[in-house]
Amino acid sequence: MRTPLTLTLLGLAALALVAVAVLPGYASSEASPTEVPVVSAEPGDTAPDFTLADTYGETHTLSDYAGEWVVLEWLNYDCPYVRKHYNSDTMQRLQEHATEQGAVWLSIVSSAPGEQGHFSNDEMNARTEAHGGHQTAVLIDEPGTVGRAYGARTTPHMFIINPDREIVYNGAIDDRPTPDPASLEGAINYVRQALHAAMNGEEVATARTQPYGCSVKYAR
């Protein structure tokens, strides 16, 4: 015999199941603008190949950079976290350091048209020049295909790829997950550390960290 308490508990359980069933994105294969499908772009994995055009119309294919070090930076110039690093020259100094060491630096914009961080090529070039960027190229990924292939979640989100096209770092630029420029004092720059260790044949002590910043503004 079911008592009133038993019936109440059964009713609550049924409501919980209904609530789970209607959660946004639950059991869905399509990601919302702030959700990214689970992929395998972790340290030790082969970096997914891609071809993208840069802001000058030239195409870049990752596999064409075989034998070279490559740094990927997910970029949104209007994101406060990105502005922290560009307004303080943190990112530009890191770009300059990496490219002087012979690395290729590709900044990737996966913002969809109409979303924050999406600009015309001319506007993007003007902003890059104004910031004094030292990227090898700024690549445009309007459909978000490349961003999703890498599981890029935030701007910035950083990857280092070795000459064998193996990912050796995936994560945040540093250990200060805040847009406050004052936080840069004494920050540990994970990308600089990982690049130095990997390029010198040493084990990367911190190969995976949690990226922080604005969500990548993927196409809805």
N, C-alpha and C. Protein backbone atom coordinates (compact mmCIF):
# COMPACT_ATOMS: atom_id res chain seq x y z
N MET A 1 0.84 -1.20 0.00
CA MET A 1 0.00 0.00 0.00
C MET A 1 0.88 1.24 0.00
N ARG A 2 0.55 2.19 -0.88
CA ARG A 2 1.35 3.40 -0.97
C ARG A 2 0.78 4.47 -0.04
N THR A 3 1.60 4.92 0.87
CA THR A 3 1.19 5.95 1.82
C THR A 3 1.25 7.31 1.15
N PRO A 4 0.65 8.34 1.75
CA PRO A 4 0.76 9.70 1.19
C PRO A 4 2.20 10.15 1.03
N LEU A 5 3.07 9.74 1.97
CA LEU A 5 4.49 10.13 1.87
C LEU A 5 5.13 9.50 0.65
N THR A 6 4.80 8.20 0.42
CA THR A 6 5.37 7.50 -0.75
C THR A 6 4.92 8.16 -2.03
N LEU A 7 3.62 8.50 -2.12
CA LEU A 7 3.10 9.15 -3.32
C LEU A 7 3.76 10.50 -3.55
N THR A 8 4.00 11.21 -2.45
CA THR A 8 4.66 12.52 -2.57
C THR A 8 6.07 12.37 -3.12
N LEU A 9 6.81 11.39 -2.60
CA LEU A 9 8.18 11.16 -3.06
C LEU A 9 8.20 10.75 -4.51
N LEU A 10 7.25 9.89 -4.91
CA LEU A 10 7.18 9.47 -6.31
C LEU A 10 6.89 10.66 -7.22
N GLY A 11 6.01 11.53 -6.74
CA GLY A 11 5.69 12.71 -7.53
C GLY A 11 6.88 13.63 -7.70
N LEU A 12 7.65 13.81 -6.64
CA LEU A 12 8.84 14.65 -6.72
C LEU A 12 9.86 14.05 -7.66
N ALA A 13 10.01 12.72 -7.62
CA ALA A 13 10.96 12.06 -8.52
C ALA A 13 10.56 12.25 -9.97
N ALA A 14 9.24 12.15 -10.24
CA ALA A 14 8.77 12.34 -11.61
C ALA A 14 9.04 13.76 -12.08
N LEU A 15 8.80 14.72 -11.21
CA LEU A 15 9.07 16.12 -11.57
C LEU A 15 10.54 16.33 -11.86
N ALA A 16 11.42 15.69 -11.07
CA ALA A 16 12.86 15.83 -11.28
C ALA A 16 13.26 15.29 -12.64
N LEU A 17 12.66 14.15 -13.03
CA LEU A 17 12.98 13.58 -14.33
C LEU A 17 12.53 14.49 -15.46
N VAL A 18 11.36 15.09 -15.30
CA VAL A 18 10.88 16.03 -16.32
C VAL A 18 11.81 17.22 -16.41
N ALA A 19 12.24 17.73 -15.26
CA ALA A 19 13.13 18.90 -15.25
C ALA A 19 14.42 18.60 -15.97
N VAL A 20 14.99 17.40 -15.73
CA VAL A 20 16.24 17.03 -16.39
C VAL A 20 16.03 16.93 -17.89
N ALA A 21 14.88 16.39 -18.29
CA ALA A 21 14.62 16.17 -19.71
C ALA A 21 14.52 17.46 -20.49
N VAL A 22 14.15 18.56 -19.82
CA VAL A 22 13.99 19.82 -20.55
C VAL A 22 15.12 20.80 -20.29
N LEU A 23 16.16 20.36 -19.62
CA LEU A 23 17.30 21.25 -19.42
C LEU A 23 17.88 21.66 -20.76
N PRO A 24 18.20 22.96 -20.97
CA PRO A 24 18.74 23.40 -22.25
C PRO A 24 20.01 22.65 -22.61
N GLY A 25 20.03 22.07 -23.81
CA GLY A 25 21.22 21.39 -24.28
C GLY A 25 21.37 19.97 -23.76
N TYR A 26 20.47 19.52 -22.92
CA TYR A 26 20.60 18.17 -22.34
C TYR A 26 20.45 17.13 -23.43
N ALA A 27 21.38 16.18 -23.48
CA ALA A 27 21.37 15.08 -24.45
C ALA A 27 21.30 15.58 -25.88
N SER A 28 21.83 16.77 -26.12
CA SER A 28 21.82 17.33 -27.47
C SER A 28 23.21 17.27 -28.06
N SER A 29 23.28 17.01 -29.36
CA SER A 29 24.58 16.96 -30.03
C SER A 29 25.01 18.33 -30.52
N GLU A 30 24.10 19.31 -30.43
CA GLU A 30 24.43 20.65 -30.89
C GLU A 30 24.77 21.53 -29.70
N ALA A 31 25.87 22.27 -29.82
CA ALA A 31 26.31 23.11 -28.71
C ALA A 31 25.67 24.47 -28.81
N SER A 32 25.32 25.05 -27.66
CA SER A 32 24.87 26.43 -27.63
C SER A 32 26.09 27.32 -27.78
N PRO A 33 25.92 28.67 -27.90
CA PRO A 33 27.09 29.54 -28.06
C PRO A 33 28.12 29.42 -26.95
N THR A 34 27.70 28.97 -25.76
CA THR A 34 28.66 28.87 -24.66
C THR A 34 29.04 27.43 -24.37
N GLU A 35 28.54 26.48 -25.17
CA GLU A 35 28.88 25.08 -24.98
C GLU A 35 29.71 24.60 -26.15
N VAL A 36 30.66 23.73 -25.87
CA VAL A 36 31.54 23.21 -26.91
C VAL A 36 31.52 21.69 -26.85
N PRO A 37 31.35 21.00 -27.98
CA PRO A 37 31.35 19.54 -27.96
C PRO A 37 32.65 18.99 -27.37
N VAL A 38 32.56 17.83 -26.74
CA VAL A 38 33.75 17.19 -26.19
C VAL A 38 34.59 16.65 -27.35
N VAL A 39 35.83 17.05 -27.40
CA VAL A 39 36.73 16.60 -28.46
C VAL A 39 38.02 16.13 -27.80
N SER A 40 38.95 15.68 -28.62
CA SER A 40 40.25 15.26 -28.10
C SER A 40 41.32 16.16 -28.68
N ALA A 41 41.59 17.24 -27.99
CA ALA A 41 42.67 18.15 -28.37
C ALA A 41 43.48 18.42 -27.12
N GLU A 42 43.86 17.34 -26.47
CA GLU A 42 44.58 17.41 -25.20
C GLU A 42 46.07 17.23 -25.43
N PRO A 43 46.90 17.60 -24.45
CA PRO A 43 48.33 17.37 -24.58
C PRO A 43 48.63 15.91 -24.90
N GLY A 44 49.45 15.71 -25.91
CA GLY A 44 49.76 14.36 -26.38
C GLY A 44 48.98 13.97 -27.61
N ASP A 45 47.86 14.65 -27.87
CA ASP A 45 47.06 14.37 -29.06
C ASP A 45 47.66 15.05 -30.28
N THR A 46 47.36 14.50 -31.45
CA THR A 46 47.72 15.16 -32.70
C THR A 46 46.77 16.33 -32.91
N ALA A 47 47.32 17.49 -33.17
CA ALA A 47 46.51 18.69 -33.35
C ALA A 47 45.64 18.54 -34.60
N PRO A 48 44.34 18.81 -34.51
CA PRO A 48 43.48 18.74 -35.68
C PRO A 48 43.97 19.67 -36.79
N ASP A 49 44.04 19.14 -37.99
CA ASP A 49 44.47 19.96 -39.13
C ASP A 49 43.34 20.91 -39.52
N PHE A 50 43.70 22.02 -40.12
CA PHE A 50 42.69 22.97 -40.57
C PHE A 50 43.28 23.87 -41.64
N THR A 51 42.40 24.50 -42.38
CA THR A 51 42.78 25.53 -43.34
C THR A 51 41.86 26.73 -43.13
N LEU A 52 42.44 27.89 -42.89
CA LEU A 52 41.67 29.12 -42.70
C LEU A 52 42.33 30.26 -43.46
N ALA A 53 41.52 31.22 -43.86
CA ALA A 53 42.05 32.43 -44.49
C ALA A 53 42.37 33.46 -43.42
N ASP A 54 43.42 34.23 -43.65
CA ASP A 54 43.74 35.31 -42.72
C ASP A 54 43.04 36.59 -43.15
N THR A 55 43.29 37.66 -42.42
CA THR A 55 42.60 38.93 -42.66
C THR A 55 43.09 39.64 -43.92
N TYR A 56 44.07 39.06 -44.59
CA TYR A 56 44.54 39.60 -45.87
C TYR A 56 44.17 38.68 -47.03
N GLY A 57 43.41 37.62 -46.73
CA GLY A 57 42.94 36.73 -47.77
C GLY A 57 43.85 35.56 -48.09
N GLU A 58 44.97 35.45 -47.40
CA GLU A 58 45.88 34.32 -47.63
C GLU A 58 45.45 33.13 -46.76
N THR A 59 45.58 31.94 -47.32
CA THR A 59 45.17 30.74 -46.58
C THR A 59 46.35 30.14 -45.82
N HIS A 60 46.01 29.56 -44.68
CA HIS A 60 47.00 28.91 -43.82
C HIS A 60 46.48 27.53 -43.46
N THR A 61 47.28 26.52 -43.70
CA THR A 61 46.95 25.14 -43.35
C THR A 61 47.94 24.67 -42.30
N LEU A 62 47.42 24.17 -41.19
CA LEU A 62 48.31 23.79 -40.08
C LEU A 62 49.37 22.80 -40.53
N SER A 63 49.00 21.80 -41.31
CA SER A 63 49.97 20.78 -41.72
C SER A 63 51.08 21.35 -42.59
N ASP A 64 50.85 22.52 -43.18
CA ASP A 64 51.93 23.16 -43.95
C ASP A 64 53.04 23.67 -43.05
N TYR A 65 52.75 23.77 -41.75
CA TYR A 65 53.76 24.22 -40.78
C TYR A 65 54.44 23.04 -40.10
N ALA A 66 54.37 21.87 -40.73
CA ALA A 66 55.05 20.69 -40.18
C ALA A 66 56.53 21.00 -39.98
N GLY A 67 57.07 20.58 -38.84
CA GLY A 67 58.47 20.86 -38.54
C GLY A 67 58.68 22.17 -37.81
N GLU A 68 57.59 22.91 -37.55
CA GLU A 68 57.69 24.19 -36.85
C GLU A 68 56.83 24.17 -35.59
N TRP A 69 57.21 25.01 -34.65
CA TRP A 69 56.40 25.22 -33.46
C TRP A 69 55.27 26.17 -33.82
N VAL A 70 54.08 25.89 -33.30
CA VAL A 70 52.91 26.73 -33.59
C VAL A 70 52.19 27.04 -32.29
N VAL A 71 51.85 28.31 -32.11
CA VAL A 71 51.02 28.73 -30.99
C VAL A 71 49.67 29.19 -31.55
N LEU A 72 48.59 28.68 -30.98
CA LEU A 72 47.25 29.12 -31.35
C LEU A 72 46.67 29.94 -30.21
N GLU A 73 46.09 31.07 -30.56
CA GLU A 73 45.47 31.98 -29.58
C GLU A 73 44.06 32.30 -30.05
N TRP A 74 43.05 31.94 -29.26
CA TRP A 74 41.68 32.35 -29.62
C TRP A 74 41.48 33.78 -29.18
N LEU A 75 41.00 34.60 -30.13
CA LEU A 75 41.05 36.06 -29.99
C LEU A 75 39.67 36.70 -30.13
N ASN A 76 39.41 37.68 -29.27
CA ASN A 76 38.22 38.55 -29.35
C ASN A 76 38.64 39.89 -28.75
N TYR A 77 38.95 40.85 -29.61
CA TYR A 77 39.50 42.11 -29.13
C TYR A 77 38.56 42.87 -28.19
N ASP A 78 37.26 42.57 -28.22
CA ASP A 78 36.32 43.28 -27.35
C ASP A 78 36.10 42.60 -26.00
N CYS A 79 36.72 41.45 -25.80
CA CYS A 79 36.59 40.74 -24.53
C CYS A 79 37.45 41.43 -23.47
N PRO A 80 36.89 41.72 -22.29
CA PRO A 80 37.68 42.38 -21.23
C PRO A 80 38.93 41.60 -20.83
N TYR A 81 38.86 40.28 -20.86
CA TYR A 81 40.03 39.47 -20.50
C TYR A 81 41.12 39.60 -21.56
N VAL A 82 40.71 39.68 -22.81
CA VAL A 82 41.67 39.88 -23.89
C VAL A 82 42.25 41.28 -23.81
N ARG A 83 41.39 42.27 -23.55
CA ARG A 83 41.88 43.66 -23.43
C ARG A 83 42.91 43.78 -22.32
N LYS A 84 42.72 43.02 -21.24
CA LYS A 84 43.71 43.06 -20.15
C LYS A 84 45.09 42.75 -20.67
N HIS A 85 45.19 41.73 -21.50
CA HIS A 85 46.50 41.30 -21.98
C HIS A 85 47.03 42.17 -23.12
N TYR A 86 46.15 42.70 -23.95
CA TYR A 86 46.62 43.55 -25.05
C TYR A 86 46.89 44.98 -24.60
N ASN A 87 46.09 45.51 -23.70
CA ASN A 87 46.32 46.87 -23.22
C ASN A 87 47.57 46.97 -22.36
N SER A 88 47.99 45.85 -21.79
CA SER A 88 49.20 45.82 -20.96
C SER A 88 50.41 45.32 -21.74
N ASP A 89 50.20 44.96 -23.01
CA ASP A 89 51.26 44.42 -23.88
C ASP A 89 51.72 43.02 -23.47
N THR A 90 51.00 42.38 -22.57
CA THR A 90 51.38 41.02 -22.17
C THR A 90 51.35 40.06 -23.35
N MET A 91 50.26 40.13 -24.11
CA MET A 91 50.12 39.20 -25.24
C MET A 91 51.12 39.53 -26.34
N GLN A 92 51.30 40.81 -26.62
CA GLN A 92 52.23 41.19 -27.69
C GLN A 92 53.66 40.78 -27.36
N ARG A 93 54.05 40.96 -26.10
CA ARG A 93 55.41 40.56 -25.71
C ARG A 93 55.58 39.05 -25.83
N LEU A 94 54.53 38.31 -25.49
CA LEU A 94 54.59 36.86 -25.61
C LEU A 94 54.66 36.45 -27.08
N GLN A 95 53.88 37.13 -27.92
CA GLN A 95 53.92 36.85 -29.37
C GLN A 95 55.32 37.13 -29.92
N GLU A 96 55.87 38.25 -29.53
CA GLU A 96 57.20 38.63 -30.02
C GLU A 96 58.25 37.62 -29.56
N HIS A 97 58.16 37.22 -28.30
CA HIS A 97 59.11 36.24 -27.76
C HIS A 97 59.01 34.92 -28.53
N ALA A 98 57.79 34.45 -28.76
CA ALA A 98 57.59 33.17 -29.44
C ALA A 98 58.08 33.21 -30.88
N THR A 99 57.73 34.27 -31.59
CA THR A 99 58.13 34.34 -33.00
C THR A 99 59.64 34.56 -33.14
N GLU A 100 60.25 35.25 -32.19
CA GLU A 100 61.71 35.40 -32.22
C GLU A 100 62.40 34.06 -32.01
N GLN A 101 61.73 33.15 -31.30
CA GLN A 101 62.27 31.80 -31.09
C GLN A 101 61.98 30.89 -32.29
N GLY A 102 61.32 31.43 -33.30
CA GLY A 102 61.05 30.67 -34.51
C GLY A 102 59.66 30.05 -34.59
N ALA A 103 58.81 30.33 -33.60
CA ALA A 103 57.46 29.77 -33.61
C ALA A 103 56.55 30.55 -34.55
N VAL A 104 55.53 29.88 -35.03
CA VAL A 104 54.46 30.50 -35.80
C VAL A 104 53.33 30.80 -34.82
N TRP A 105 52.82 32.03 -34.85
CA TRP A 105 51.74 32.41 -33.93
C TRP A 105 50.49 32.73 -34.76
N LEU A 106 49.45 31.94 -34.57
CA LEU A 106 48.20 32.12 -35.29
C LEU A 106 47.09 32.50 -34.31
N SER A 107 46.59 33.72 -34.45
CA SER A 107 45.44 34.15 -33.65
C SER A 107 44.18 33.80 -34.43
N ILE A 108 43.23 33.14 -33.78
CA ILE A 108 42.03 32.66 -34.46
C ILE A 108 40.80 33.35 -33.89
N VAL A 109 40.00 33.92 -34.78
CA VAL A 109 38.76 34.59 -34.39
C VAL A 109 37.59 33.69 -34.80
N SER A 110 36.93 33.10 -33.81
CA SER A 110 35.78 32.22 -34.09
C SER A 110 34.46 32.91 -33.80
N SER A 111 34.47 34.22 -33.59
CA SER A 111 33.22 34.96 -33.38
C SER A 111 32.40 34.95 -34.66
N ALA A 112 31.12 34.62 -34.54
CA ALA A 112 30.23 34.60 -35.70
C ALA A 112 29.80 36.02 -36.07
N PRO A 113 29.38 36.23 -37.31
CA PRO A 113 28.88 37.55 -37.72
C PRO A 113 27.76 38.01 -36.78
N GLY A 114 27.85 39.26 -36.35
CA GLY A 114 26.86 39.81 -35.43
C GLY A 114 27.17 39.58 -33.98
N GLU A 115 28.19 38.79 -33.70
CA GLU A 115 28.57 38.51 -32.31
C GLU A 115 29.77 39.35 -31.90
N GLN A 116 29.95 39.48 -30.58
CA GLN A 116 31.08 40.25 -30.06
C GLN A 116 32.39 39.69 -30.60
N GLY A 117 33.26 40.59 -31.05
CA GLY A 117 34.57 40.18 -31.53
C GLY A 117 34.65 39.94 -33.01
N HIS A 118 33.50 40.01 -33.71
CA HIS A 118 33.52 39.82 -35.16
C HIS A 118 33.65 41.18 -35.85
N PHE A 119 34.65 41.30 -36.73
CA PHE A 119 34.87 42.54 -37.45
C PHE A 119 35.21 42.23 -38.90
N SER A 120 35.10 43.24 -39.74
CA SER A 120 35.57 43.09 -41.11
C SER A 120 37.08 42.90 -41.08
N ASN A 121 37.62 42.39 -42.16
CA ASN A 121 39.07 42.20 -42.21
C ASN A 121 39.82 43.51 -42.03
N ASP A 122 39.31 44.58 -42.65
CA ASP A 122 39.98 45.88 -42.52
C ASP A 122 39.97 46.36 -41.07
N GLU A 123 38.83 46.20 -40.39
CA GLU A 123 38.75 46.62 -38.99
C GLU A 123 39.65 45.76 -38.11
N MET A 124 39.70 44.48 -38.40
CA MET A 124 40.57 43.59 -37.63
C MET A 124 42.03 43.97 -37.82
N ASN A 125 42.40 44.27 -39.05
CA ASN A 125 43.78 44.68 -39.32
C ASN A 125 44.11 45.99 -38.61
N ALA A 126 43.15 46.92 -38.60
CA ALA A 126 43.38 48.20 -37.93
C ALA A 126 43.57 47.99 -36.43
N ARG A 127 42.77 47.13 -35.84
CA ARG A 127 42.89 46.87 -34.41
C ARG A 127 44.21 46.16 -34.08
N THR A 128 44.58 45.21 -34.92
CA THR A 128 45.85 44.50 -34.69
C THR A 128 47.02 45.46 -34.79
N GLU A 129 46.96 46.36 -35.77
CA GLU A 129 48.04 47.34 -35.93
C GLU A 129 48.07 48.30 -34.75
N ALA A 130 46.89 48.73 -34.30
CA ALA A 130 46.82 49.66 -33.17
C ALA A 130 47.38 49.02 -31.90
N HIS A 131 47.16 47.73 -31.76
CA HIS A 131 47.68 47.02 -30.57
C HIS A 131 49.15 46.66 -30.71
N GLY A 132 49.71 46.79 -31.91
CA GLY A 132 51.10 46.40 -32.10
C GLY A 132 51.29 44.90 -32.00
N GLY A 133 50.35 44.15 -32.57
CA GLY A 133 50.41 42.70 -32.49
C GLY A 133 51.59 42.12 -33.25
N HIS A 134 52.11 41.03 -32.74
CA HIS A 134 53.25 40.34 -33.37
C HIS A 134 52.84 38.95 -33.87
N GLN A 135 51.56 38.76 -34.15
CA GLN A 135 51.11 37.47 -34.67
C GLN A 135 51.70 37.22 -36.06
N THR A 136 51.85 35.96 -36.39
CA THR A 136 52.17 35.60 -37.77
C THR A 136 50.98 35.92 -38.66
N ALA A 137 49.78 35.65 -38.16
CA ALA A 137 48.56 35.94 -38.91
C ALA A 137 47.36 35.89 -37.97
N VAL A 138 46.31 36.62 -38.35
CA VAL A 138 45.01 36.53 -37.67
C VAL A 138 44.07 35.79 -38.61
N LEU A 139 43.58 34.65 -38.17
CA LEU A 139 42.75 33.79 -39.02
C LEU A 139 41.28 33.92 -38.65
N ILE A 140 40.41 33.84 -39.67
CA ILE A 140 38.98 34.02 -39.46
C ILE A 140 38.26 32.67 -39.57
N ASP A 141 37.51 32.35 -38.51
CA ASP A 141 36.80 31.07 -38.39
C ASP A 141 35.32 31.34 -38.12
N GLU A 142 34.64 32.04 -39.04
CA GLU A 142 33.26 32.45 -38.81
C GLU A 142 32.32 31.29 -38.47
N PRO A 143 32.41 30.14 -39.15
CA PRO A 143 31.51 29.03 -38.79
C PRO A 143 31.84 28.39 -37.44
N GLY A 144 33.03 28.68 -36.92
CA GLY A 144 33.45 28.09 -35.65
C GLY A 144 33.92 26.65 -35.76
N THR A 145 34.15 26.19 -36.98
CA THR A 145 34.54 24.80 -37.20
C THR A 145 35.86 24.45 -36.51
N VAL A 146 36.83 25.33 -36.66
CA VAL A 146 38.15 25.06 -36.07
C VAL A 146 38.09 25.21 -34.56
N GLY A 147 37.40 26.23 -34.10
CA GLY A 147 37.26 26.40 -32.66
C GLY A 147 36.64 25.20 -31.99
N ARG A 148 35.61 24.67 -32.60
CA ARG A 148 34.94 23.49 -32.03
C ARG A 148 35.83 22.25 -32.13
N ALA A 149 36.61 22.16 -33.21
CA ALA A 149 37.51 21.01 -33.35
C ALA A 149 38.53 20.96 -32.22
N TYR A 150 38.93 22.14 -31.74
CA TYR A 150 39.91 22.22 -30.66
C TYR A 150 39.25 22.31 -29.28
N GLY A 151 37.94 22.44 -29.26
CA GLY A 151 37.28 22.62 -27.98
C GLY A 151 37.58 23.96 -27.36
N ALA A 152 37.85 24.97 -28.19
CA ALA A 152 38.16 26.31 -27.69
C ALA A 152 36.94 26.88 -26.97
N ARG A 153 37.11 27.28 -25.74
CA ARG A 153 35.99 27.71 -24.91
C ARG A 153 36.01 29.19 -24.58
N THR A 154 37.18 29.76 -24.52
CA THR A 154 37.28 31.14 -24.04
C THR A 154 38.21 31.95 -24.92
N THR A 155 38.11 33.26 -24.76
CA THR A 155 39.12 34.16 -25.32
C THR A 155 39.75 34.90 -24.15
N PRO A 156 41.08 34.67 -23.97
CA PRO A 156 41.94 33.80 -24.78
C PRO A 156 41.84 32.33 -24.36
N HIS A 157 42.16 31.44 -25.30
CA HIS A 157 42.38 30.02 -25.04
C HIS A 157 43.60 29.67 -25.87
N MET A 158 44.61 29.09 -25.23
CA MET A 158 45.92 28.94 -25.85
C MET A 158 46.28 27.47 -26.07
N PHE A 159 46.95 27.22 -27.20
CA PHE A 159 47.48 25.90 -27.52
C PHE A 159 48.91 26.05 -28.04
N ILE A 160 49.77 25.11 -27.66
CA ILE A 160 51.11 25.04 -28.24
C ILE A 160 51.23 23.69 -28.93
N ILE A 161 51.72 23.72 -30.17
CA ILE A 161 51.84 22.52 -30.99
C ILE A 161 53.30 22.35 -31.39
N ASN A 162 53.85 21.16 -31.19
CA ASN A 162 55.27 20.95 -31.49
C ASN A 162 55.49 20.62 -32.97
N PRO A 163 56.73 20.52 -33.43
CA PRO A 163 57.00 20.27 -34.85
C PRO A 163 56.44 18.96 -35.38
N ASP A 164 56.09 18.02 -34.48
CA ASP A 164 55.47 16.77 -34.90
C ASP A 164 53.94 16.87 -34.90
N ARG A 165 53.42 18.07 -34.75
CA ARG A 165 51.99 18.39 -34.70
C ARG A 165 51.30 17.78 -33.49
N GLU A 166 52.05 17.65 -32.42
CA GLU A 166 51.50 17.15 -31.16
C GLU A 166 51.22 18.33 -30.24
N ILE A 167 50.07 18.31 -29.62
CA ILE A 167 49.72 19.37 -28.66
C ILE A 167 50.54 19.17 -27.39
N VAL A 168 51.26 20.20 -26.98
CA VAL A 168 52.05 20.11 -25.75
C VAL A 168 51.50 21.02 -24.65
N TYR A 169 50.58 21.92 -25.02
CA TYR A 169 49.94 22.76 -24.00
C TYR A 169 48.54 23.12 -24.47
N ASN A 170 47.61 23.13 -23.51
CA ASN A 170 46.22 23.51 -23.77
C ASN A 170 45.70 24.20 -22.52
N GLY A 171 45.28 25.46 -22.65
CA GLY A 171 44.70 26.11 -21.48
C GLY A 171 44.82 27.61 -21.46
N ALA A 172 44.96 28.13 -20.25
CA ALA A 172 44.99 29.57 -20.01
C ALA A 172 46.35 30.16 -20.33
N ILE A 173 46.39 31.46 -20.52
CA ILE A 173 47.66 32.14 -20.72
C ILE A 173 48.43 32.22 -19.41
N ASP A 174 47.71 32.40 -18.29
CA ASP A 174 48.39 32.52 -17.00
C ASP A 174 47.48 32.05 -15.88
N ASP A 175 47.90 32.32 -14.65
CA ASP A 175 47.17 31.83 -13.49
C ASP A 175 46.31 32.90 -12.83
N ARG A 176 45.94 33.95 -13.56
CA ARG A 176 45.15 35.04 -12.97
C ARG A 176 43.84 35.21 -13.73
N PRO A 177 42.81 34.41 -13.41
CA PRO A 177 41.55 34.43 -14.15
C PRO A 177 40.64 35.60 -13.79
N THR A 178 41.10 36.79 -14.12
CA THR A 178 40.35 38.01 -13.86
C THR A 178 40.68 39.02 -14.95
N PRO A 179 39.75 39.93 -15.28
CA PRO A 179 40.05 40.97 -16.27
C PRO A 179 40.82 42.15 -15.69
N ASP A 180 41.13 42.11 -14.41
CA ASP A 180 41.82 43.22 -13.76
C ASP A 180 43.29 43.26 -14.16
N PRO A 181 43.74 44.33 -14.82
CA PRO A 181 45.15 44.42 -15.22
C PRO A 181 46.13 44.34 -14.05
N ALA A 182 45.69 44.77 -12.87
CA ALA A 182 46.58 44.72 -11.70
C ALA A 182 46.96 43.29 -11.34
N SER A 183 46.16 42.32 -11.79
CA SER A 183 46.44 40.92 -11.46
C SER A 183 47.68 40.39 -12.17
N LEU A 184 48.16 41.09 -13.18
CA LEU A 184 49.30 40.61 -13.95
C LEU A 184 50.60 40.66 -13.15
N GLU A 185 50.63 41.47 -12.10
CA GLU A 185 51.83 41.55 -11.26
C GLU A 185 52.08 40.20 -10.60
N GLY A 186 53.20 39.59 -10.93
CA GLY A 186 53.57 38.31 -10.34
C GLY A 186 52.86 37.10 -10.92
N ALA A 187 52.13 37.29 -12.03
CA ALA A 187 51.40 36.17 -12.63
C ALA A 187 52.36 35.13 -13.22
N ILE A 188 51.96 33.87 -13.16
CA ILE A 188 52.71 32.79 -13.81
C ILE A 188 52.19 32.64 -15.23
N ASN A 189 53.03 32.90 -16.21
CA ASN A 189 52.62 32.78 -17.61
C ASN A 189 52.85 31.33 -18.06
N TYR A 190 51.76 30.57 -18.10
CA TYR A 190 51.87 29.15 -18.44
C TYR A 190 52.39 28.94 -19.86
N VAL A 191 51.99 29.81 -20.78
CA VAL A 191 52.39 29.64 -22.17
C VAL A 191 53.89 29.86 -22.33
N ARG A 192 54.39 30.90 -21.71
CA ARG A 192 55.83 31.17 -21.80
C ARG A 192 56.63 30.02 -21.19
N GLN A 193 56.18 29.53 -20.03
CA GLN A 193 56.88 28.43 -19.37
C GLN A 193 56.85 27.16 -20.22
N ALA A 194 55.66 26.84 -20.76
CA ALA A 194 55.52 25.62 -21.56
C ALA A 194 56.34 25.70 -22.84
N LEU A 195 56.33 26.85 -23.47
CA LEU A 195 57.08 27.01 -24.72
C LEU A 195 58.57 26.88 -24.46
N HIS A 196 59.04 27.49 -23.38
CA HIS A 196 60.47 27.41 -23.05
C HIS A 196 60.88 25.96 -22.79
N ALA A 197 60.09 25.26 -21.97
CA ALA A 197 60.44 23.87 -21.64
C ALA A 197 60.40 22.98 -22.88
N ALA A 198 59.33 23.09 -23.65
CA ALA A 198 59.16 22.20 -24.80
C ALA A 198 60.23 22.45 -25.86
N MET A 199 60.54 23.71 -26.11
CA MET A 199 61.53 24.02 -27.14
C MET A 199 62.94 23.62 -26.72
N ASN A 200 63.14 23.42 -25.42
CA ASN A 200 64.44 22.98 -24.93
C ASN A 200 64.47 21.48 -24.64
N GLY A 201 63.48 20.77 -25.12
CA GLY A 201 63.45 19.32 -24.97
C GLY A 201 63.11 18.85 -23.58
N GLU A 202 62.56 19.72 -22.76
CA GLU A 202 62.20 19.37 -21.39
C GLU A 202 60.72 19.03 -21.30
N GLU A 203 60.37 18.31 -20.25
CA GLU A 203 58.96 18.00 -20.02
C GLU A 203 58.23 19.27 -19.60
N VAL A 204 57.04 19.46 -20.14
CA VAL A 204 56.22 20.61 -19.75
C VAL A 204 55.54 20.28 -18.43
N ALA A 205 55.92 21.00 -17.39
CA ALA A 205 55.42 20.68 -16.05
C ALA A 205 53.92 20.88 -15.94
N THR A 206 53.42 21.95 -16.55
CA THR A 206 51.99 22.23 -16.52
C THR A 206 51.50 22.27 -17.96
N ALA A 207 51.01 21.13 -18.44
CA ALA A 207 50.62 21.01 -19.84
C ALA A 207 49.13 21.26 -20.05
N ARG A 208 48.35 21.26 -18.97
CA ARG A 208 46.90 21.46 -19.11
C ARG A 208 46.40 22.32 -17.97
N THR A 209 45.74 23.41 -18.31
CA THR A 209 45.13 24.27 -17.31
C THR A 209 43.72 24.63 -17.77
N GLN A 210 42.95 25.20 -16.87
CA GLN A 210 41.59 25.62 -17.19
C GLN A 210 41.64 26.98 -17.87
N PRO A 211 41.20 27.09 -19.13
CA PRO A 211 41.21 28.41 -19.77
C PRO A 211 40.19 29.33 -19.12
N TYR A 212 40.46 30.61 -19.16
CA TYR A 212 39.52 31.58 -18.60
C TYR A 212 39.35 32.73 -19.59
N GLY A 213 38.23 33.43 -19.46
CA GLY A 213 37.96 34.58 -20.32
C GLY A 213 36.51 34.61 -20.73
N CYS A 214 36.21 35.37 -21.79
CA CYS A 214 34.86 35.40 -22.34
C CYS A 214 34.61 34.11 -23.11
N SER A 215 33.37 33.66 -23.13
CA SER A 215 33.05 32.49 -23.95
C SER A 215 33.27 32.83 -25.42
N VAL A 216 33.72 31.85 -26.19
CA VAL A 216 33.86 32.06 -27.63
C VAL A 216 32.47 32.26 -28.22
N LYS A 217 32.30 33.29 -29.02
CA LYS A 217 30.97 33.66 -29.53
C LYS A 217 30.66 32.90 -30.82
N TYR A 218 30.42 31.61 -30.66
CA TYR A 218 30.13 30.75 -31.81
C TYR A 218 28.80 31.11 -32.45
N ALA A 219 28.65 30.69 -33.72
CA ALA A 219 27.38 30.86 -34.42
C ALA A 219 26.28 30.11 -33.67
N ARG A 220 25.13 30.73 -33.55
CA ARG A 220 24.02 30.11 -32.81
C ARG A 220 23.35 29.03 -33.66
